[in-house]
Amino acid sequence: MLELDVILKEFLDEQYSGLTPAEQDAFDKLLVTPDNTLLAYLQGSENPLEKELIRLVSKIRK
């Protein structure tokens, strides 16, 4: 999905290297989320249930 590609590439280019190892693991976990659900998380219309994913999604939304 193009929208996800754009959002995630920008995050990878600008912020990923500054994540802790635990946050990088959470990012890997986030990537296995179905595309429609992941897009809803990143657009703010839904939120993940896991605390570490909530924090990571918040960082990606910025």
PDB file of N, CA and C in Angstrom:
ATOM      1  N   MET A   1       0.856  -1.165   0.000  1.00  0.00           N
ATOM      2  CA  MET A   1       0.000   0.000   0.000  1.00  0.00           C
ATOM      3  C   MET A   1       0.908   1.236   0.000  1.00  0.00           C
ATOM      4  N   LEU A   2       0.708   2.086  -0.957  1.00  0.00           N
ATOM      5  CA  LEU A   2       1.583   3.243  -1.158  1.00  0.00           C
ATOM      6  C   LEU A   2       1.633   4.171   0.045  1.00  0.00           C
ATOM      7  N   GLU A   3       0.491   4.417   0.663  1.00  0.00           N
ATOM      8  CA  GLU A   3       0.463   5.318   1.822  1.00  0.00           C
ATOM      9  C   GLU A   3       1.378   4.802   2.931  1.00  0.00           C
ATOM     10  N   LEU A   4       1.309   3.499   3.180  1.00  0.00           N
ATOM     11  CA  LEU A   4       2.171   2.907   4.211  1.00  0.00           C
ATOM     12  C   LEU A   4       3.636   3.024   3.831  1.00  0.00           C
ATOM     13  N   ASP A   5       3.937   2.762   2.563  1.00  0.00           N
ATOM     14  CA  ASP A   5       5.325   2.859   2.102  1.00  0.00           C
ATOM     15  C   ASP A   5       5.893   4.246   2.373  1.00  0.00           C
ATOM     16  N   VAL A   6       5.124   5.262   2.075  1.00  0.00           N
ATOM     17  CA  VAL A   6       5.581   6.643   2.251  1.00  0.00           C
ATOM     18  C   VAL A   6       5.802   6.950   3.735  1.00  0.00           C
ATOM     19  N   ILE A   7       4.821   6.623   4.562  1.00  0.00           N
ATOM     20  CA  ILE A   7       4.912   6.910   5.995  1.00  0.00           C
ATOM     21  C   ILE A   7       6.076   6.163   6.628  1.00  0.00           C
ATOM     22  N   LEU A   8       6.172   4.868   6.334  1.00  0.00           N
ATOM     23  CA  LEU A   8       7.206   4.053   6.976  1.00  0.00           C
ATOM     24  C   LEU A   8       8.604   4.375   6.467  1.00  0.00           C
ATOM     25  N   LYS A   9       8.730   4.697   5.177  1.00  0.00           N
ATOM     26  CA  LYS A   9      10.057   5.065   4.657  1.00  0.00           C
ATOM     27  C   LYS A   9      10.550   6.340   5.319  1.00  0.00           C
ATOM     28  N   GLU A  10       9.677   7.323   5.465  1.00  0.00           N
ATOM     29  CA  GLU A  10      10.063   8.573   6.124  1.00  0.00           C
ATOM     30  C   GLU A  10      10.512   8.297   7.566  1.00  0.00           C
ATOM     31  N   PHE A  11       9.755   7.459   8.266  1.00  0.00           N
ATOM     32  CA  PHE A  11      10.119   7.113   9.637  1.00  0.00           C
ATOM     33  C   PHE A  11      11.465   6.394   9.675  1.00  0.00           C
ATOM     34  N   LEU A  12      11.654   5.444   8.783  1.00  0.00           N
ATOM     35  CA  LEU A  12      12.923   4.715   8.752  1.00  0.00           C
ATOM     36  C   LEU A  12      14.100   5.657   8.478  1.00  0.00           C
ATOM     37  N   ASP A  13      13.922   6.550   7.539  1.00  0.00           N
ATOM     38  CA  ASP A  13      14.993   7.483   7.172  1.00  0.00           C
ATOM     39  C   ASP A  13      15.317   8.467   8.294  1.00  0.00           C
ATOM     40  N   GLU A  14      14.306   8.902   9.030  1.00  0.00           N
ATOM     41  CA  GLU A  14      14.502   9.996   9.976  1.00  0.00           C
ATOM     42  C   GLU A  14      14.601   9.584  11.445  1.00  0.00           C
ATOM     43  N   GLN A  15      13.977   8.475  11.840  1.00  0.00           N
ATOM     44  CA  GLN A  15      13.890   8.183  13.268  1.00  0.00           C
ATOM     45  C   GLN A  15      14.321   6.780  13.690  1.00  0.00           C
ATOM     46  N   TYR A  16      14.284   5.812  12.790  1.00  0.00           N
ATOM     47  CA  TYR A  16      14.513   4.425  13.177  1.00  0.00           C
ATOM     48  C   TYR A  16      15.846   4.223  13.892  1.00  0.00           C
ATOM     49  N   SER A  17      16.885   4.840  13.421  1.00  0.00           N
ATOM     50  CA  SER A  17      18.210   4.632  14.020  1.00  0.00           C
ATOM     51  C   SER A  17      18.278   5.114  15.468  1.00  0.00           C
ATOM     52  N   GLY A  18      17.377   5.982  15.867  1.00  0.00           N
ATOM     53  CA  GLY A  18      17.360   6.484  17.235  1.00  0.00           C
ATOM     54  C   GLY A  18      16.507   5.653  18.188  1.00  0.00           C
ATOM     55  N   LEU A  19      15.891   4.594  17.678  1.00  0.00           N
ATOM     56  CA  LEU A  19      15.061   3.746  18.525  1.00  0.00           C
ATOM     57  C   LEU A  19      15.922   2.835  19.395  1.00  0.00           C
ATOM     58  N   THR A  20      15.390   2.482  20.535  1.00  0.00           N
ATOM     59  CA  THR A  20      16.056   1.496  21.391  1.00  0.00           C
ATOM     60  C   THR A  20      15.881   0.115  20.745  1.00  0.00           C
ATOM     61  N   PRO A  21      16.663  -0.861  21.172  1.00  0.00           N
ATOM     62  CA  PRO A  21      16.461  -2.217  20.638  1.00  0.00           C
ATOM     63  C   PRO A  21      15.035  -2.745  20.881  1.00  0.00           C
ATOM     64  N   ALA A  22      14.452  -2.431  22.020  1.00  0.00           N
ATOM     65  CA  ALA A  22      13.076  -2.862  22.299  1.00  0.00           C
ATOM     66  C   ALA A  22      12.098  -2.196  21.328  1.00  0.00           C
ATOM     67  N   GLU A  23      12.323  -0.928  21.016  1.00  0.00           N
ATOM     68  CA  GLU A  23      11.459  -0.229  20.062  1.00  0.00           C
ATOM     69  C   GLU A  23      11.645  -0.791  18.655  1.00  0.00           C
ATOM     70  N   GLN A  24      12.870  -1.160  18.310  1.00  0.00           N
ATOM     71  CA  GLN A  24      13.106  -1.772  17.004  1.00  0.00           C
ATOM     72  C   GLN A  24      12.401  -3.120  16.913  1.00  0.00           C
ATOM     73  N   ASP A  25      12.381  -3.878  18.001  1.00  0.00           N
ATOM     74  CA  ASP A  25      11.627  -5.139  18.033  1.00  0.00           C
ATOM     75  C   ASP A  25      10.133  -4.875  17.862  1.00  0.00           C
ATOM     76  N   ALA A  26       9.641  -3.833  18.517  1.00  0.00           N
ATOM     77  CA  ALA A  26       8.232  -3.467  18.380  1.00  0.00           C
ATOM     78  C   ALA A  26       7.923  -3.073  16.935  1.00  0.00           C
ATOM     79  N   PHE A  27       8.848  -2.395  16.287  1.00  0.00           N
ATOM     80  CA  PHE A  27       8.662  -2.015  14.889  1.00  0.00           C
ATOM     81  C   PHE A  27       8.525  -3.265  14.019  1.00  0.00           C
ATOM     82  N   ASP A  28       9.382  -4.259  14.263  1.00  0.00           N
ATOM     83  CA  ASP A  28       9.284  -5.520  13.522  1.00  0.00           C
ATOM     84  C   ASP A  28       7.912  -6.167  13.746  1.00  0.00           C
ATOM     85  N   LYS A  29       7.437  -6.123  14.979  1.00  0.00           N
ATOM     86  CA  LYS A  29       6.127  -6.672  15.311  1.00  0.00           C
ATOM     87  C   LYS A  29       5.021  -5.896  14.597  1.00  0.00           C
ATOM     88  N   LEU A  30       5.178  -4.599  14.534  1.00  0.00           N
ATOM     89  CA  LEU A  30       4.194  -3.751  13.871  1.00  0.00           C
ATOM     90  C   LEU A  30       4.090  -4.076  12.381  1.00  0.00           C
ATOM     91  N   LEU A  31       5.206  -4.445  11.773  1.00  0.00           N
ATOM     92  CA  LEU A  31       5.219  -4.711  10.338  1.00  0.00           C
ATOM     93  C   LEU A  31       4.429  -5.950   9.933  1.00  0.00           C
ATOM     94  N   VAL A  32       4.147  -6.840  10.868  1.00  0.00           N
ATOM     95  CA  VAL A  32       3.341  -8.017  10.527  1.00  0.00           C
ATOM     96  C   VAL A  32       1.839  -7.753  10.675  1.00  0.00           C
ATOM     97  N   THR A  33       1.492  -6.551  11.071  1.00  0.00           N
ATOM     98  CA  THR A  33       0.094  -6.142  11.179  1.00  0.00           C
ATOM     99  C   THR A  33      -0.488  -6.016   9.767  1.00  0.00           C
ATOM    100  N   PRO A  34      -1.702  -6.494   9.544  1.00  0.00           N
ATOM    101  CA  PRO A  34      -2.323  -6.334   8.215  1.00  0.00           C
ATOM    102  C   PRO A  34      -2.319  -4.858   7.778  1.00  0.00           C
ATOM    103  N   ASP A  35      -2.134  -4.637   6.504  1.00  0.00           N
ATOM    104  CA  ASP A  35      -1.979  -3.282   5.965  1.00  0.00           C
ATOM    105  C   ASP A  35      -3.116  -2.336   6.368  1.00  0.00           C
ATOM    106  N   ASN A  36      -4.343  -2.781   6.251  1.00  0.00           N
ATOM    107  CA  ASN A  36      -5.472  -1.888   6.568  1.00  0.00           C
ATOM    108  C   ASN A  36      -5.467  -1.491   8.033  1.00  0.00           C
ATOM    109  N   THR A  37      -5.128  -2.429   8.902  1.00  0.00           N
ATOM    110  CA  THR A  37      -5.066  -2.140  10.333  1.00  0.00           C
ATOM    111  C   THR A  37      -3.898  -1.212  10.631  1.00  0.00           C
ATOM    112  N   LEU A  38      -2.752  -1.489  10.025  1.00  0.00           N
ATOM    113  CA  LEU A  38      -1.578  -0.642  10.234  1.00  0.00           C
ATOM    114  C   LEU A  38      -1.845   0.777   9.770  1.00  0.00           C
ATOM    115  N   LEU A  39      -2.471   0.931   8.633  1.00  0.00           N
ATOM    116  CA  LEU A  39      -2.797   2.273   8.145  1.00  0.00           C
ATOM    117  C   LEU A  39      -3.753   2.977   9.110  1.00  0.00           C
ATOM    118  N   ALA A  40      -4.722   2.253   9.636  1.00  0.00           N
ATOM    119  CA  ALA A  40      -5.652   2.846  10.605  1.00  0.00           C
ATOM    120  C   ALA A  40      -4.897   3.300  11.854  1.00  0.00           C
ATOM    121  N   TYR A  41      -3.919   2.509  12.317  1.00  0.00           N
ATOM    122  CA  TYR A  41      -3.104   2.911  13.464  1.00  0.00           C
ATOM    123  C   TYR A  41      -2.365   4.210  13.163  1.00  0.00           C
ATOM    124  N   LEU A  42      -1.735   4.253  12.005  1.00  0.00           N
ATOM    125  CA  LEU A  42      -0.889   5.396  11.671  1.00  0.00           C
ATOM    126  C   LEU A  42      -1.691   6.650  11.360  1.00  0.00           C
ATOM    127  N   GLN A  43      -2.931   6.478  10.927  1.00  0.00           N
ATOM    128  CA  GLN A  43      -3.794   7.629  10.671  1.00  0.00           C
ATOM    129  C   GLN A  43      -4.545   8.065  11.923  1.00  0.00           C
ATOM    130  N   GLY A  44      -4.505   7.239  12.962  1.00  0.00           N
ATOM    131  CA  GLY A  44      -5.136   7.603  14.217  1.00  0.00           C
ATOM    132  C   GLY A  44      -6.586   7.197  14.360  1.00  0.00           C
ATOM    133  N   SER A  45      -7.109   6.427  13.420  1.00  0.00           N
ATOM    134  CA  SER A  45      -8.506   6.007  13.537  1.00  0.00           C
ATOM    135  C   SER A  45      -8.664   4.751  14.395  1.00  0.00           C
ATOM    136  N   GLU A  46      -7.568   4.053  14.648  1.00  0.00           N
ATOM    137  CA  GLU A  46      -7.529   2.909  15.558  1.00  0.00           C
ATOM    138  C   GLU A  46      -6.221   2.976  16.334  1.00  0.00           C
ATOM    139  N   ASN A  47      -6.178   2.249  17.438  1.00  0.00           N
ATOM    140  CA  ASN A  47      -4.958   2.165  18.234  1.00  0.00           C
ATOM    141  C   ASN A  47      -4.632   0.713  18.531  1.00  0.00           C
ATOM    142  N   PRO A  48      -3.347   0.365  18.537  1.00  0.00           N
ATOM    143  CA  PRO A  48      -2.978  -1.003  18.906  1.00  0.00           C
ATOM    144  C   PRO A  48      -3.295  -1.248  20.379  1.00  0.00           C
ATOM    145  N   LEU A  49      -3.360  -2.512  20.755  1.00  0.00           N
ATOM    146  CA  LEU A  49      -3.652  -2.863  22.140  1.00  0.00           C
ATOM    147  C   LEU A  49      -2.401  -2.910  23.013  1.00  0.00           C
ATOM    148  N   GLU A  50      -1.263  -3.285  22.439  1.00  0.00           N
ATOM    149  CA  GLU A  50      -0.023  -3.445  23.197  1.00  0.00           C
ATOM    150  C   GLU A  50       0.620  -2.099  23.476  1.00  0.00           C
ATOM    151  N   LYS A  51       1.075  -1.921  24.719  1.00  0.00           N
ATOM    152  CA  LYS A  51       1.665  -0.636  25.127  1.00  0.00           C
ATOM    153  C   LYS A  51       2.858  -0.235  24.265  1.00  0.00           C
ATOM    154  N   GLU A  52       3.737  -1.211  23.971  1.00  0.00           N
ATOM    155  CA  GLU A  52       4.927  -0.856  23.194  1.00  0.00           C
ATOM    156  C   GLU A  52       4.560  -0.424  21.785  1.00  0.00           C
ATOM    157  N   LEU A  53       3.503  -0.992  21.231  1.00  0.00           N
ATOM    158  CA  LEU A  53       3.064  -0.578  19.899  1.00  0.00           C
ATOM    159  C   LEU A  53       2.383   0.776  19.933  1.00  0.00           C
ATOM    160  N   ILE A  54       1.654   1.048  21.001  1.00  0.00           N
ATOM    161  CA  ILE A  54       1.025   2.367  21.148  1.00  0.00           C
ATOM    162  C   ILE A  54       2.090   3.454  21.153  1.00  0.00           C
ATOM    163  N   ARG A  55       3.151   3.253  21.925  1.00  0.00           N
ATOM    164  CA  ARG A  55       4.232   4.253  21.997  1.00  0.00           C
ATOM    165  C   ARG A  55       4.917   4.417  20.643  1.00  0.00           C
ATOM    166  N   LEU A  56       5.166   3.308  19.974  1.00  0.00           N
ATOM    167  CA  LEU A  56       5.845   3.368  18.685  1.00  0.00           C
ATOM    168  C   LEU A  56       4.973   4.057  17.634  1.00  0.00           C
ATOM    169  N   VAL A  57       3.715   3.715  17.586  1.00  0.00           N
ATOM    170  CA  VAL A  57       2.803   4.350  16.634  1.00  0.00           C
ATOM    171  C   VAL A  57       2.743   5.847  16.885  1.00  0.00           C
ATOM    172  N   SER A  58       2.768   6.234  18.128  1.00  0.00           N
ATOM    173  CA  SER A  58       2.778   7.657  18.471  1.00  0.00           C
ATOM    174  C   SER A  58       4.011   8.344  17.892  1.00  0.00           C
ATOM    175  N   LYS A  59       5.153   7.687  17.984  1.00  0.00           N
ATOM    176  CA  LYS A  59       6.387   8.263  17.406  1.00  0.00           C
ATOM    177  C   LYS A  59       6.296   8.365  15.893  1.00  0.00           C
ATOM    178  N   ILE A  60       5.728   7.355  15.271  1.00  0.00           N
ATOM    179  CA  ILE A  60       5.626   7.356  13.808  1.00  0.00           C
ATOM    180  C   ILE A  60       4.673   8.450  13.341  1.00  0.00           C
ATOM    181  N   ARG A  61       3.596   8.691  14.077  1.00  0.00           N
ATOM    182  CA  ARG A  61       2.617   9.716  13.706  1.00  0.00           C
ATOM    183  C   ARG A  61       3.193  11.129  13.722  1.00  0.00           C
ATOM    184  N   LYS A  62       4.233  11.372  14.496  1.00  0.00           N
ATOM    185  CA  LYS A  62       4.794  12.728  14.621  1.00  0.00           C
ATOM    186  C   LYS A  62       5.442  13.195  13.351  1.00  0.00           C
TER     187      LYS A  62
END
